[in-house]
Amino acid sequence: MRTENLFGGRVRAGTLETLASTSKPLSAYRVARVIGAQPIQVLNILKDLEPNLVRRGEDGWVLMSEPLRQFLRDELGRQEAETRREKDELLIQLRLRPRQGHGRGRVRS
């Protein structure tokens, strides 16, 4: 299940994922830039989630729920692993070396 289905939309899910992926407070503008949304959309979502899930401090917004943070980080990890597998399959079809299982520990620059 995609997180956007779970949280009711791409912008809401992206806002929560962005806050979960960092320990630093972020401005609504910064979150909007990361997820490709309008700052006013992100600000409205953050205000809706305040004070139960997020809190606004002097330096920006932070996710307060540790169980939610862990869930979102785990989900992001699963999505990245799935994307990596898909990329590796395409590389194999093109007769190129995939990243996994061939001794390459990092992506080429």
C-alpha atoms as a PDB file:
ATOM      1  CA  MET A   1       0.000   0.000   0.000  1.00  0.00           C
ATOM      2  CA  ARG A   2       1.328   3.400  -0.941  1.00  0.00           C
ATOM      3  CA  THR A   3       1.549   5.951   1.862  1.00  0.00           C
ATOM      4  CA  GLU A   4      -0.428   8.480  -0.178  1.00  0.00           C
ATOM      5  CA  ASN A   5      -3.408   6.117  -0.074  1.00  0.00           C
ATOM      6  CA  LEU A   6      -2.983   5.653   3.646  1.00  0.00           C
ATOM      7  CA  PHE A   7      -2.681   9.345   4.511  1.00  0.00           C
ATOM      8  CA  GLY A   8      -5.207  10.739   2.042  1.00  0.00           C
ATOM      9  CA  GLY A   9      -3.061  12.270  -0.667  1.00  0.00           C
ATOM     10  CA  ARG A  10       0.346  12.811  -2.182  1.00  0.00           C
ATOM     11  CA  VAL A  11       1.062  16.127  -0.463  1.00  0.00           C
ATOM     12  CA  ARG A  12       0.008  14.944   3.011  1.00  0.00           C
ATOM     13  CA  ALA A  13       2.013  11.718   2.676  1.00  0.00           C
ATOM     14  CA  GLY A  14       5.021  13.586   1.294  1.00  0.00           C
ATOM     15  CA  THR A  15       4.875  16.110   4.115  1.00  0.00           C
ATOM     16  CA  LEU A  16       4.878  13.378   6.750  1.00  0.00           C
ATOM     17  CA  GLU A  17       7.595  11.372   4.966  1.00  0.00           C
ATOM     18  CA  THR A  18       9.818  14.432   4.681  1.00  0.00           C
ATOM     19  CA  LEU A  19       9.454  15.287   8.356  1.00  0.00           C
ATOM     20  CA  ALA A  20      10.040  11.635   9.295  1.00  0.00           C
ATOM     21  CA  SER A  21      13.234  11.401   7.268  1.00  0.00           C
ATOM     22  CA  THR A  22      15.010  14.193   9.146  1.00  0.00           C
ATOM     23  CA  SER A  23      15.613  15.038  12.768  1.00  0.00           C
ATOM     24  CA  LYS A  24      15.969  18.748  11.989  1.00  0.00           C
ATOM     25  CA  PRO A  25      13.033  21.154  12.038  1.00  0.00           C
ATOM     26  CA  LEU A  26      11.943  22.166   8.540  1.00  0.00           C
ATOM     27  CA  SER A  27       9.984  25.146   7.288  1.00  0.00           C
ATOM     28  CA  ALA A  28       6.767  24.557   5.355  1.00  0.00           C
ATOM     29  CA  TYR A  29       8.493  26.149   2.363  1.00  0.00           C
ATOM     30  CA  ARG A  30      11.377  23.660   2.553  1.00  0.00           C
ATOM     31  CA  VAL A  31       9.011  20.690   2.826  1.00  0.00           C
ATOM     32  CA  ALA A  32       7.068  22.015  -0.181  1.00  0.00           C
ATOM     33  CA  ARG A  33      10.266  22.284  -2.244  1.00  0.00           C
ATOM     34  CA  VAL A  34      11.275  18.727  -1.347  1.00  0.00           C
ATOM     35  CA  ILE A  35       7.950  17.187  -2.358  1.00  0.00           C
ATOM     36  CA  GLY A  36       7.121  19.511  -5.248  1.00  0.00           C
ATOM     37  CA  ALA A  37       4.010  21.074  -3.725  1.00  0.00           C
ATOM     38  CA  GLN A  38       2.757  24.579  -3.056  1.00  0.00           C
ATOM     39  CA  PRO A  39       3.902  25.991   0.312  1.00  0.00           C
ATOM     40  CA  ILE A  40       0.342  26.980   1.233  1.00  0.00           C
ATOM     41  CA  GLN A  41      -0.805  23.363   0.762  1.00  0.00           C
ATOM     42  CA  VAL A  42       1.938  22.110   3.060  1.00  0.00           C
ATOM     43  CA  LEU A  43       1.264  24.831   5.630  1.00  0.00           C
ATOM     44  CA  ASN A  44      -2.439  23.963   5.732  1.00  0.00           C
ATOM     45  CA  ILE A  45      -1.627  20.280   6.208  1.00  0.00           C
ATOM     46  CA  LEU A  46       0.850  21.032   8.983  1.00  0.00           C
ATOM     47  CA  LYS A  47      -1.683  23.219  10.777  1.00  0.00           C
ATOM     48  CA  ASP A  48      -4.265  20.418  10.511  1.00  0.00           C
ATOM     49  CA  LEU A  49      -1.811  17.942  12.043  1.00  0.00           C
ATOM     50  CA  GLU A  50      -0.810  20.263  14.878  1.00  0.00           C
ATOM     51  CA  PRO A  51      -0.562  19.573  17.872  1.00  0.00           C
ATOM     52  CA  ASN A  52      -1.125  15.807  17.816  1.00  0.00           C
ATOM     53  CA  LEU A  53       1.438  14.734  15.217  1.00  0.00           C
ATOM     54  CA  VAL A  54       3.580  17.783  14.461  1.00  0.00           C
ATOM     55  CA  ARG A  55       4.798  20.776  16.402  1.00  0.00           C
ATOM     56  CA  ARG A  56       5.987  24.138  15.203  1.00  0.00           C
ATOM     57  CA  GLY A  57       9.100  25.471  16.857  1.00  0.00           C
ATOM     58  CA  GLU A  58      11.269  28.508  16.302  1.00  0.00           C
ATOM     59  CA  ASP A  59      13.293  26.719  13.618  1.00  0.00           C
ATOM     60  CA  GLY A  60      10.424  24.960  11.851  1.00  0.00           C
ATOM     61  CA  TRP A  61       8.118  21.964  11.984  1.00  0.00           C
ATOM     62  CA  VAL A  62       8.980  18.591  13.544  1.00  0.00           C
ATOM     63  CA  LEU A  63       7.195  15.247  13.629  1.00  0.00           C
ATOM     64  CA  MET A  64       6.355  14.400  17.240  1.00  0.00           C
ATOM     65  CA  SER A  65       5.158  10.791  16.931  1.00  0.00           C
ATOM     66  CA  GLU A  66       8.074   8.350  17.119  1.00  0.00           C
ATOM     67  CA  PRO A  67       5.962   5.312  16.125  1.00  0.00           C
ATOM     68  CA  LEU A  68       4.756   7.198  13.033  1.00  0.00           C
ATOM     69  CA  ARG A  69       8.333   8.307  12.260  1.00  0.00           C
ATOM     70  CA  GLN A  70       9.557   4.710  12.447  1.00  0.00           C
ATOM     71  CA  PHE A  71       6.669   3.437  10.302  1.00  0.00           C
ATOM     72  CA  LEU A  72       7.339   6.047   7.603  1.00  0.00           C
ATOM     73  CA  ARG A  73      11.087   5.397   7.613  1.00  0.00           C
ATOM     74  CA  ASP A  74      10.478   1.654   7.266  1.00  0.00           C
ATOM     75  CA  GLU A  75       8.050   2.278   4.401  1.00  0.00           C
ATOM     76  CA  LEU A  76      10.540   4.564   2.643  1.00  0.00           C
ATOM     77  CA  GLY A  77      13.173   1.832   2.986  1.00  0.00           C
ATOM     78  CA  ARG A  78      10.831  -0.739   1.454  1.00  0.00           C
ATOM     79  CA  GLN A  79      10.002   1.591  -1.434  1.00  0.00           C
ATOM     80  CA  GLU A  80      13.690   2.260  -2.096  1.00  0.00           C
ATOM     81  CA  ALA A  81      14.481  -1.475  -2.071  1.00  0.00           C
ATOM     82  CA  GLU A  82      11.624  -2.146  -4.515  1.00  0.00           C
ATOM     83  CA  THR A  83      12.811   0.627  -6.837  1.00  0.00           C
ATOM     84  CA  ARG A  84      16.370  -0.718  -6.670  1.00  0.00           C
ATOM     85  CA  ARG A  85      15.179  -4.216  -7.637  1.00  0.00           C
ATOM     86  CA  GLU A  86      13.241  -2.794 -10.595  1.00  0.00           C
ATOM     87  CA  LYS A  87      16.282  -0.823 -11.756  1.00  0.00           C
ATOM     88  CA  ASP A  88      18.510  -3.887 -11.427  1.00  0.00           C
ATOM     89  CA  GLU A  89      16.062  -5.949 -13.520  1.00  0.00           C
ATOM     90  CA  LEU A  90      16.140  -3.306 -16.256  1.00  0.00           C
ATOM     91  CA  LEU A  91      19.935  -3.237 -16.198  1.00  0.00           C
ATOM     92  CA  ILE A  92      20.039  -7.025 -16.563  1.00  0.00           C
ATOM     93  CA  GLN A  93      17.634  -6.843 -19.528  1.00  0.00           C
ATOM     94  CA  LEU A  94      19.958  -4.284 -21.136  1.00  0.00           C
ATOM     95  CA  ARG A  95      22.903  -6.610 -20.455  1.00  0.00           C
ATOM     96  CA  LEU A  96      24.456  -4.190 -17.998  1.00  0.00           C
ATOM     97  CA  ARG A  97      25.670  -4.948 -14.516  1.00  0.00           C
ATOM     98  CA  PRO A  98      23.123  -4.323 -11.758  1.00  0.00           C
ATOM     99  CA  ARG A  99      24.185  -2.789  -8.475  1.00  0.00           C
ATOM    100  CA  GLN A 100      23.088  -5.676  -6.254  1.00  0.00           C
ATOM    101  CA  GLY A 101      25.053  -8.903  -6.147  1.00  0.00           C
ATOM    102  CA  HIS A 102      27.919  -7.777  -8.357  1.00  0.00           C
ATOM    103  CA  GLY A 103      30.311  -6.270  -5.869  1.00  0.00           C
ATOM    104  CA  ARG A 104      29.425  -2.661  -6.484  1.00  0.00           C
ATOM    105  CA  GLY A 105      28.829  -0.995  -3.170  1.00  0.00           C
ATOM    106  CA  ARG A 106      27.724   2.346  -4.559  1.00  0.00           C
ATOM    107  CA  VAL A 107      26.092   3.876  -7.576  1.00  0.00           C
ATOM    108  CA  ARG A 108      28.388   5.213 -10.256  1.00  0.00           C
ATOM    109  CA  SER A 109      28.704   8.999 -10.441  1.00  0.00           C
END
